[in-house]
Amino acid sequence: MDIRTQMVPAAEAAAKIVLETPEERLDAPTPCADWDVRALVNHLIVWSARGETAARRQPPAGPGEDHDFTAEPGWAERYADQARRTAEAWQDPAAWEGNTSLTGNKEGMPAPFIAGILFGECVVHGWDLAVATGREPSFPPAVVEAAWEQIVPAAEMSRQYGVFGPEVPVPADAPLLDRVLGMAGRDPRWKP
């Protein structure tokens, strides 16, 4: 499964989760040990924007993760718009060629690896945000299948770069999303 075909549905699913995030839960804990919901939302906003600039080979712009986007009106809509623009930017075949960077590093990394990080952000952090706010995430089956096919071969490199935590053992007959989460270092049974 080509994640390129699933970038837009993954972004739409993540955007729906963000749009349904109650403001009164912004201080709630998340499966990301050092982040509350607010920090996770801010992370999603920043890196989605950087994902668009990476696809377009532009330098990163705008505030960093130390900026609290949730203190501004329309933060959820801002993320939804940005996630859509980012996914659309990766529909251009040229975005997948050569190297690019989320940080402005001149050497960068292979563009498909960067796209995989962004795709994984929608799925894994979308799940993080949903469960942190007491909801069940709803990802299309094709998105979950693409996440599995993308995450398995990239898991060790992702761990080396600190993108994933240590693998969490999940039964082989568990739902595919649970196996994706375990591979990405998440405990699918996590509760707030």
C-alpha atoms as a PDB file:
ATOM      1  CA  MET A   1       0.000   0.000   0.000  1.00  0.00           C
ATOM      2  CA  ASP A   2       1.444   3.349  -1.056  1.00  0.00           C
ATOM      3  CA  ILE A   3       1.191   5.807   1.843  1.00  0.00           C
ATOM      4  CA  ARG A   4       0.951   8.621  -0.703  1.00  0.00           C
ATOM      5  CA  THR A   5      -2.603   7.502  -1.493  1.00  0.00           C
ATOM      6  CA  GLN A   6      -3.427   7.483   2.220  1.00  0.00           C
ATOM      7  CA  MET A   7      -1.876  10.821   3.254  1.00  0.00           C
ATOM      8  CA  VAL A   8      -5.106  12.778   2.749  1.00  0.00           C
ATOM      9  CA  PRO A   9      -7.388  10.262   4.548  1.00  0.00           C
ATOM     10  CA  ALA A  10      -4.872  10.051   7.441  1.00  0.00           C
ATOM     11  CA  ALA A  11      -4.737  13.851   7.696  1.00  0.00           C
ATOM     12  CA  GLU A  12      -8.534  14.055   7.603  1.00  0.00           C
ATOM     13  CA  ALA A  13      -8.838  11.472  10.392  1.00  0.00           C
ATOM     14  CA  ALA A  14      -6.282  13.316  12.541  1.00  0.00           C
ATOM     15  CA  ALA A  15      -7.995  16.645  11.832  1.00  0.00           C
ATOM     16  CA  LYS A  16     -11.339  15.213  12.962  1.00  0.00           C
ATOM     17  CA  ILE A  17      -9.751  14.099  16.241  1.00  0.00           C
ATOM     18  CA  VAL A  18      -8.223  17.550  16.808  1.00  0.00           C
ATOM     19  CA  LEU A  19     -11.476  19.307  15.884  1.00  0.00           C
ATOM     20  CA  GLU A  20     -13.329  17.205  18.461  1.00  0.00           C
ATOM     21  CA  THR A  21     -10.791  17.807  21.239  1.00  0.00           C
ATOM     22  CA  PRO A  22     -12.541  19.515  24.167  1.00  0.00           C
ATOM     23  CA  GLU A  23     -10.715  22.625  25.371  1.00  0.00           C
ATOM     24  CA  GLU A  24     -11.350  21.595  28.966  1.00  0.00           C
ATOM     25  CA  ARG A  25      -9.115  18.538  28.367  1.00  0.00           C
ATOM     26  CA  LEU A  26      -6.039  20.491  27.206  1.00  0.00           C
ATOM     27  CA  ASP A  27      -4.255  19.789  30.505  1.00  0.00           C
ATOM     28  CA  ALA A  28      -5.039  16.047  30.439  1.00  0.00           C
ATOM     29  CA  PRO A  29      -2.169  13.528  30.260  1.00  0.00           C
ATOM     30  CA  THR A  30      -1.384  11.685  27.027  1.00  0.00           C
ATOM     31  CA  PRO A  31       0.450   8.454  26.191  1.00  0.00           C
ATOM     32  CA  CYS A  32       3.425  10.722  25.397  1.00  0.00           C
ATOM     33  CA  ALA A  33       4.947  10.800  28.883  1.00  0.00           C
ATOM     34  CA  ASP A  34       6.199  14.390  28.822  1.00  0.00           C
ATOM     35  CA  TRP A  35       3.207  15.946  27.050  1.00  0.00           C
ATOM     36  CA  ASP A  36      -0.279  16.916  28.028  1.00  0.00           C
ATOM     37  CA  VAL A  37      -2.993  17.369  25.392  1.00  0.00           C
ATOM     38  CA  ARG A  38      -1.983  21.002  24.847  1.00  0.00           C
ATOM     39  CA  ALA A  39       1.653  20.095  24.139  1.00  0.00           C
ATOM     40  CA  LEU A  40       0.563  17.302  21.800  1.00  0.00           C
ATOM     41  CA  VAL A  41      -1.740  19.607  19.829  1.00  0.00           C
ATOM     42  CA  ASN A  42       1.017  22.218  19.592  1.00  0.00           C
ATOM     43  CA  HIS A  43       3.408  19.508  18.368  1.00  0.00           C
ATOM     44  CA  LEU A  44       0.938  18.420  15.682  1.00  0.00           C
ATOM     45  CA  ILE A  45       0.440  21.989  14.467  1.00  0.00           C
ATOM     46  CA  VAL A  46       4.163  22.760  14.262  1.00  0.00           C
ATOM     47  CA  TRP A  47       5.250  19.561  12.550  1.00  0.00           C
ATOM     48  CA  SER A  48       2.363  19.499  10.125  1.00  0.00           C
ATOM     49  CA  ALA A  49       3.382  22.972   8.964  1.00  0.00           C
ATOM     50  CA  ARG A  50       6.985  21.836   8.664  1.00  0.00           C
ATOM     51  CA  GLY A  51       5.775  18.828   6.702  1.00  0.00           C
ATOM     52  CA  GLU A  52       4.303  21.124   4.080  1.00  0.00           C
ATOM     53  CA  THR A  53       7.512  23.137   3.766  1.00  0.00           C
ATOM     54  CA  ALA A  54       9.515  19.884   3.547  1.00  0.00           C
ATOM     55  CA  ALA A  55       7.344  18.659   0.660  1.00  0.00           C
ATOM     56  CA  ARG A  56       7.783  21.993  -1.128  1.00  0.00           C
ATOM     57  CA  ARG A  57      11.539  22.203  -0.328  1.00  0.00           C
ATOM     58  CA  GLN A  58      11.072  25.494   1.513  1.00  0.00           C
ATOM     59  CA  PRO A  59      12.740  26.493   4.782  1.00  0.00           C
ATOM     60  CA  PRO A  60      10.620  25.980   7.904  1.00  0.00           C
ATOM     61  CA  ALA A  61       8.726  29.073   8.962  1.00  0.00           C
ATOM     62  CA  GLY A  62       6.547  30.103  11.858  1.00  0.00           C
ATOM     63  CA  PRO A  63       6.729  29.530  15.596  1.00  0.00           C
ATOM     64  CA  GLY A  64       8.205  26.417  17.161  1.00  0.00           C
ATOM     65  CA  GLU A  65       6.865  23.964  19.727  1.00  0.00           C
ATOM     66  CA  ASP A  66       7.396  26.468  22.517  1.00  0.00           C
ATOM     67  CA  HIS A  67       4.510  28.499  21.051  1.00  0.00           C
ATOM     68  CA  ASP A  68       1.064  27.787  22.503  1.00  0.00           C
ATOM     69  CA  PHE A  69      -1.239  27.680  19.506  1.00  0.00           C
ATOM     70  CA  THR A  70      -4.090  26.556  21.777  1.00  0.00           C
ATOM     71  CA  ALA A  71      -4.082  30.021  23.376  1.00  0.00           C
ATOM     72  CA  GLU A  72      -5.210  31.426  20.019  1.00  0.00           C
ATOM     73  CA  PRO A  73      -8.755  31.239  18.670  1.00  0.00           C
ATOM     74  CA  GLY A  74      -9.350  28.655  15.963  1.00  0.00           C
ATOM     75  CA  TRP A  75      -6.406  26.394  16.847  1.00  0.00           C
ATOM     76  CA  ALA A  76      -8.283  23.207  15.927  1.00  0.00           C
ATOM     77  CA  GLU A  77      -9.395  24.623  12.587  1.00  0.00           C
ATOM     78  CA  ARG A  78      -5.846  25.862  12.017  1.00  0.00           C
ATOM     79  CA  TYR A  79      -4.541  22.338  12.443  1.00  0.00           C
ATOM     80  CA  ALA A  80      -7.242  20.869  10.180  1.00  0.00           C
ATOM     81  CA  ASP A  81      -6.382  23.351   7.419  1.00  0.00           C
ATOM     82  CA  GLN A  82      -2.653  22.781   7.831  1.00  0.00           C
ATOM     83  CA  ALA A  83      -2.958  18.993   7.891  1.00  0.00           C
ATOM     84  CA  ARG A  84      -4.947  19.108   4.645  1.00  0.00           C
ATOM     85  CA  ARG A  85      -2.409  21.424   2.954  1.00  0.00           C
ATOM     86  CA  THR A  86       0.454  19.212   4.079  1.00  0.00           C
ATOM     87  CA  ALA A  87      -1.175  16.028   2.800  1.00  0.00           C
ATOM     88  CA  GLU A  88      -1.962  17.743  -0.505  1.00  0.00           C
ATOM     89  CA  ALA A  89       1.646  18.967  -0.829  1.00  0.00           C
ATOM     90  CA  TRP A  90       2.798  15.349  -0.608  1.00  0.00           C
ATOM     91  CA  GLN A  91       0.543  14.407  -3.518  1.00  0.00           C
ATOM     92  CA  ASP A  92       3.121  15.973  -5.850  1.00  0.00           C
ATOM     93  CA  PRO A  93       5.430  13.168  -7.090  1.00  0.00           C
ATOM     94  CA  ALA A  94       8.385  15.587  -6.892  1.00  0.00           C
ATOM     95  CA  ALA A  95       7.915  15.814  -3.108  1.00  0.00           C
ATOM     96  CA  TRP A  96       8.992  12.168  -2.850  1.00  0.00           C
ATOM     97  CA  GLU A  97      12.285  12.606  -4.728  1.00  0.00           C
ATOM     98  CA  GLY A  98      15.696  13.118  -3.167  1.00  0.00           C
ATOM     99  CA  ASN A  99      16.178  14.417   0.348  1.00  0.00           C
ATOM    100  CA  THR A 100      14.267  16.975   2.350  1.00  0.00           C
ATOM    101  CA  SER A 101      14.133  18.210   5.918  1.00  0.00           C
ATOM    102  CA  LEU A 102      11.582  19.098   8.556  1.00  0.00           C
ATOM    103  CA  THR A 103      14.118  21.277  10.358  1.00  0.00           C
ATOM    104  CA  GLY A 104      15.915  23.077   7.548  1.00  0.00           C
ATOM    105  CA  ASN A 105      18.975  20.812   7.735  1.00  0.00           C
ATOM    106  CA  LYS A 106      20.698  21.138   4.344  1.00  0.00           C
ATOM    107  CA  GLU A 107      21.491  17.407   4.030  1.00  0.00           C
ATOM    108  CA  GLY A 108      18.042  16.270   5.051  1.00  0.00           C
ATOM    109  CA  MET A 109      16.819  12.716   4.878  1.00  0.00           C
ATOM    110  CA  PRO A 110      15.167  10.672   2.140  1.00  0.00           C
ATOM    111  CA  ALA A 111      11.845  12.300   1.283  1.00  0.00           C
ATOM    112  CA  PRO A 112       9.872   9.031   1.617  1.00  0.00           C
ATOM    113  CA  PHE A 113      11.193   8.675   5.190  1.00  0.00           C
ATOM    114  CA  ILE A 114      10.076  12.236   6.012  1.00  0.00           C
ATOM    115  CA  ALA A 115       6.653  11.560   4.471  1.00  0.00           C
ATOM    116  CA  GLY A 116       6.444   8.410   6.580  1.00  0.00           C
ATOM    117  CA  ILE A 117       7.124  10.409   9.731  1.00  0.00           C
ATOM    118  CA  LEU A 118       4.320  12.810   8.846  1.00  0.00           C
ATOM    119  CA  PHE A 119       1.953   9.983   8.018  1.00  0.00           C
ATOM    120  CA  GLY A 120       2.821   8.271  11.300  1.00  0.00           C
ATOM    121  CA  GLU A 121       2.199  11.543  13.169  1.00  0.00           C
ATOM    122  CA  CYS A 122      -1.394  11.543  11.931  1.00  0.00           C
ATOM    123  CA  VAL A 123      -2.007   7.951  12.970  1.00  0.00           C
ATOM    124  CA  VAL A 124       0.033   7.566  16.157  1.00  0.00           C
ATOM    125  CA  HIS A 125      -0.430  11.063  17.561  1.00  0.00           C
ATOM    126  CA  GLY A 126      -4.033  11.034  16.367  1.00  0.00           C
ATOM    127  CA  TRP A 127      -4.523   7.928  18.494  1.00  0.00           C
ATOM    128  CA  ASP A 128      -2.611   9.554  21.385  1.00  0.00           C
ATOM    129  CA  LEU A 129      -4.917  12.542  21.297  1.00  0.00           C
ATOM    130  CA  ALA A 130      -8.106  10.508  20.955  1.00  0.00           C
ATOM    131  CA  VAL A 131      -7.399   8.213  23.894  1.00  0.00           C
ATOM    132  CA  ALA A 132      -6.114  11.097  26.036  1.00  0.00           C
ATOM    133  CA  THR A 133      -9.510  12.737  25.651  1.00  0.00           C
ATOM    134  CA  GLY A 134     -11.499   9.547  26.200  1.00  0.00           C
ATOM    135  CA  ARG A 135     -12.420   8.783  22.601  1.00  0.00           C
ATOM    136  CA  GLU A 136     -11.955   5.944  20.178  1.00  0.00           C
ATOM    137  CA  PRO A 137     -10.040   7.063  17.085  1.00  0.00           C
ATOM    138  CA  SER A 138     -11.571   6.236  13.745  1.00  0.00           C
ATOM    139  CA  PHE A 139      -9.028   5.591  11.016  1.00  0.00           C
ATOM    140  CA  PRO A 140     -10.051   4.104   7.684  1.00  0.00           C
ATOM    141  CA  PRO A 141      -8.805   0.498   7.374  1.00  0.00           C
ATOM    142  CA  ALA A 142      -6.597   1.429   4.397  1.00  0.00           C
ATOM    143  CA  VAL A 143      -4.865   4.099   6.525  1.00  0.00           C
ATOM    144  CA  VAL A 144      -4.140   1.560   9.271  1.00  0.00           C
ATOM    145  CA  GLU A 145      -2.862  -0.955   6.709  1.00  0.00           C
ATOM    146  CA  ALA A 146      -0.601   1.684   5.136  1.00  0.00           C
ATOM    147  CA  ALA A 147       0.636   2.674   8.610  1.00  0.00           C
ATOM    148  CA  TRP A 148       1.594  -0.938   9.326  1.00  0.00           C
ATOM    149  CA  GLU A 149       3.392  -1.316   6.003  1.00  0.00           C
ATOM    150  CA  GLN A 150       5.241   1.964   6.536  1.00  0.00           C
ATOM    151  CA  ILE A 151       6.074   1.593  10.237  1.00  0.00           C
ATOM    152  CA  VAL A 152       7.431  -1.967  10.269  1.00  0.00           C
ATOM    153  CA  PRO A 153      10.432  -1.382   7.967  1.00  0.00           C
ATOM    154  CA  ALA A 154      11.119   2.083   9.421  1.00  0.00           C
ATOM    155  CA  ALA A 155      10.708   1.216  13.120  1.00  0.00           C
ATOM    156  CA  GLU A 156      14.356   0.683  14.029  1.00  0.00           C
ATOM    157  CA  MET A 157      15.538   3.817  12.224  1.00  0.00           C
ATOM    158  CA  SER A 158      12.669   5.736  13.850  1.00  0.00           C
ATOM    159  CA  ARG A 159      13.814   4.511  17.272  1.00  0.00           C
ATOM    160  CA  GLN A 160      17.398   5.598  16.517  1.00  0.00           C
ATOM    161  CA  TYR A 161      16.163   9.114  15.779  1.00  0.00           C
ATOM    162  CA  GLY A 162      13.912   9.180  18.843  1.00  0.00           C
ATOM    163  CA  VAL A 163      10.711   9.239  16.769  1.00  0.00           C
ATOM    164  CA  PHE A 164       9.489   5.967  18.368  1.00  0.00           C
ATOM    165  CA  GLY A 165       9.940   4.564  21.829  1.00  0.00           C
ATOM    166  CA  PRO A 166      10.846   0.947  22.576  1.00  0.00           C
ATOM    167  CA  GLU A 167       8.490  -1.562  20.990  1.00  0.00           C
ATOM    168  CA  VAL A 168       5.567  -2.605  23.189  1.00  0.00           C
ATOM    169  CA  PRO A 169       4.762  -6.315  22.761  1.00  0.00           C
ATOM    170  CA  VAL A 170       1.314  -6.812  21.249  1.00  0.00           C
ATOM    171  CA  PRO A 171      -0.206 -10.221  20.379  1.00  0.00           C
ATOM    172  CA  ALA A 172       0.096 -11.175  16.714  1.00  0.00           C
ATOM    173  CA  ASP A 173      -3.685 -11.628  16.530  1.00  0.00           C
ATOM    174  CA  ALA A 174      -4.434  -8.169  17.989  1.00  0.00           C
ATOM    175  CA  PRO A 175      -6.199  -5.607  15.795  1.00  0.00           C
ATOM    176  CA  LEU A 176      -3.823  -4.083  13.245  1.00  0.00           C
ATOM    177  CA  LEU A 177      -4.015  -0.611  14.838  1.00  0.00           C
ATOM    178  CA  ASP A 178      -2.875  -2.115  18.156  1.00  0.00           C
ATOM    179  CA  ARG A 179       0.082  -3.729  16.384  1.00  0.00           C
ATOM    180  CA  VAL A 180       0.929  -0.410  14.702  1.00  0.00           C
ATOM    181  CA  LEU A 181       0.854   1.297  18.092  1.00  0.00           C
ATOM    182  CA  GLY A 182       3.019  -1.352  19.748  1.00  0.00           C
ATOM    183  CA  MET A 183       5.575  -1.112  16.943  1.00  0.00           C
ATOM    184  CA  ALA A 184       5.634   2.681  17.453  1.00  0.00           C
ATOM    185  CA  GLY A 185       6.270   2.269  21.179  1.00  0.00           C
ATOM    186  CA  ARG A 186       2.707   2.777  22.401  1.00  0.00           C
ATOM    187  CA  ASP A 187       0.705   0.598  24.749  1.00  0.00           C
ATOM    188  CA  PRO A 188      -2.661   0.179  23.001  1.00  0.00           C
ATOM    189  CA  ARG A 189      -4.264  -0.400  26.432  1.00  0.00           C
ATOM    190  CA  TRP A 190      -3.178   3.032  27.732  1.00  0.00           C
ATOM    191  CA  LYS A 191      -5.858   4.980  29.610  1.00  0.00           C
ATOM    192  CA  PRO A 192      -5.715   8.493  31.097  1.00  0.00           C
END
